Amino acid sequence: MEVRIRLGSGIARLAAAPVLMLELPNGATVEDLYDRLVRSNPELAPALRSALPVVQGAHVARGQALAHGDEVALLTPVSGG
C-alpha cells in the first residue's frame, strides 16, 4: 500500500522534500512507517523520536493501522508561553 507523509516544518528541514511517499505492506502501522522512514532517511531519526503522528486530522497512536492512500502528518510538539 502507498502512504503519503507530510513532514511538519521542524522535520521537513532535515529531509529532501516536505512530502514523501512510502510503499508499506498491507496491515502496516504508524510504527512501521517510522521504522521505514528512519531506515531510508537516518537524518530524520532524532526528530522522529518526538514527532506526533496525525491521520485524518486526529492524533493517533503508533500502533494505529494505516490504509492505502492515508496521509500521515508528522508534527513536532511546540510549547510556549
Protein backbone atom coordinates (compact mmCIF):
# COMPACT_ATOMS: atom_id res chain seq x y z
CA MET A 1 0.00 0.00 0.00
CA GLU A 2 1.12 3.54 -0.61
CA VAL A 3 1.07 6.17 2.14
CA ARG A 4 1.81 9.88 1.84
CA ILE A 5 3.86 11.53 4.60
CA ARG A 6 3.67 15.25 5.18
CA LEU A 7 6.53 16.46 7.35
CA GLY A 8 5.99 19.39 9.69
CA SER A 9 8.40 22.30 9.28
CA GLY A 10 10.66 21.18 12.12
CA ILE A 11 11.20 17.80 10.45
CA ALA A 12 10.98 18.89 6.80
CA ARG A 13 14.18 20.91 7.09
CA LEU A 14 16.03 17.61 7.64
CA ALA A 15 14.53 15.87 4.60
CA ALA A 16 14.97 16.22 0.86
CA ALA A 17 11.29 17.20 0.49
CA PRO A 18 8.40 18.13 2.82
CA VAL A 19 6.17 15.41 1.33
CA LEU A 20 7.28 11.80 0.93
CA MET A 21 5.59 8.69 -0.45
CA LEU A 22 6.24 5.28 1.09
CA GLU A 23 5.25 1.83 0.00
CA LEU A 24 4.33 -0.25 3.05
CA PRO A 25 2.96 -3.79 3.40
CA ASN A 26 -0.78 -4.20 3.97
CA GLY A 27 -1.57 -4.00 7.66
CA ALA A 28 1.37 -1.70 8.41
CA THR A 29 1.12 0.61 11.41
CA VAL A 30 2.37 4.10 12.13
CA GLU A 31 5.28 2.47 13.97
CA ASP A 32 6.17 0.56 10.80
CA LEU A 33 6.11 3.87 8.92
CA TYR A 34 8.51 5.40 11.47
CA ASP A 35 10.85 2.41 11.18
CA ARG A 36 10.87 2.60 7.37
CA LEU A 37 11.48 6.37 7.45
CA VAL A 38 14.45 6.01 9.79
CA ARG A 39 15.98 3.24 7.66
CA SER A 40 15.62 5.21 4.44
CA ASN A 41 16.32 8.66 5.94
CA PRO A 42 18.58 8.23 9.00
CA GLU A 43 18.95 12.01 9.32
CA LEU A 44 15.29 12.13 10.43
CA ALA A 45 15.80 9.79 13.41
CA PRO A 46 16.37 12.46 16.09
CA ALA A 47 13.31 14.49 15.03
CA LEU A 48 11.06 11.43 14.71
CA ARG A 49 11.60 10.46 18.34
CA SER A 50 9.26 13.25 19.43
CA ALA A 51 7.13 13.59 16.28
CA LEU A 52 3.38 13.32 16.70
CA PRO A 53 1.53 11.34 14.01
CA VAL A 54 -1.73 12.82 12.71
CA VAL A 55 -4.04 10.88 10.37
CA GLN A 56 -7.23 12.46 9.02
CA GLY A 57 -6.85 15.40 11.39
CA ALA A 58 -6.55 13.35 14.58
CA HIS A 59 -3.52 12.43 16.65
CA VAL A 60 -3.09 8.64 16.54
CA ALA A 61 -1.03 6.12 18.48
CA ARG A 62 1.96 4.49 16.85
CA GLY A 63 0.09 1.18 16.86
CA GLN A 64 -2.62 2.62 14.57
CA ALA A 65 -3.04 0.59 11.39
CA LEU A 66 -2.74 2.50 8.13
CA ALA A 67 -4.70 2.09 4.90
CA HIS A 68 -3.72 2.59 1.28
CA GLY A 69 -3.86 6.29 0.44
CA ASP A 70 -3.64 7.56 4.02
CA GLU A 71 -1.81 10.81 4.59
CA VAL A 72 0.21 10.92 7.79
CA ALA A 73 1.37 14.30 9.05
CA LEU A 74 4.39 14.12 11.34
CA LEU A 75 4.46 17.17 13.55
CA THR A 76 6.89 18.31 16.20
CA PRO A 77 5.36 19.40 19.50
CA VAL A 78 5.69 23.06 20.38
CA SER A 79 5.47 24.82 23.68
CA GLY A 80 5.42 28.43 24.61
CA GLY A 81 4.06 30.88 26.99
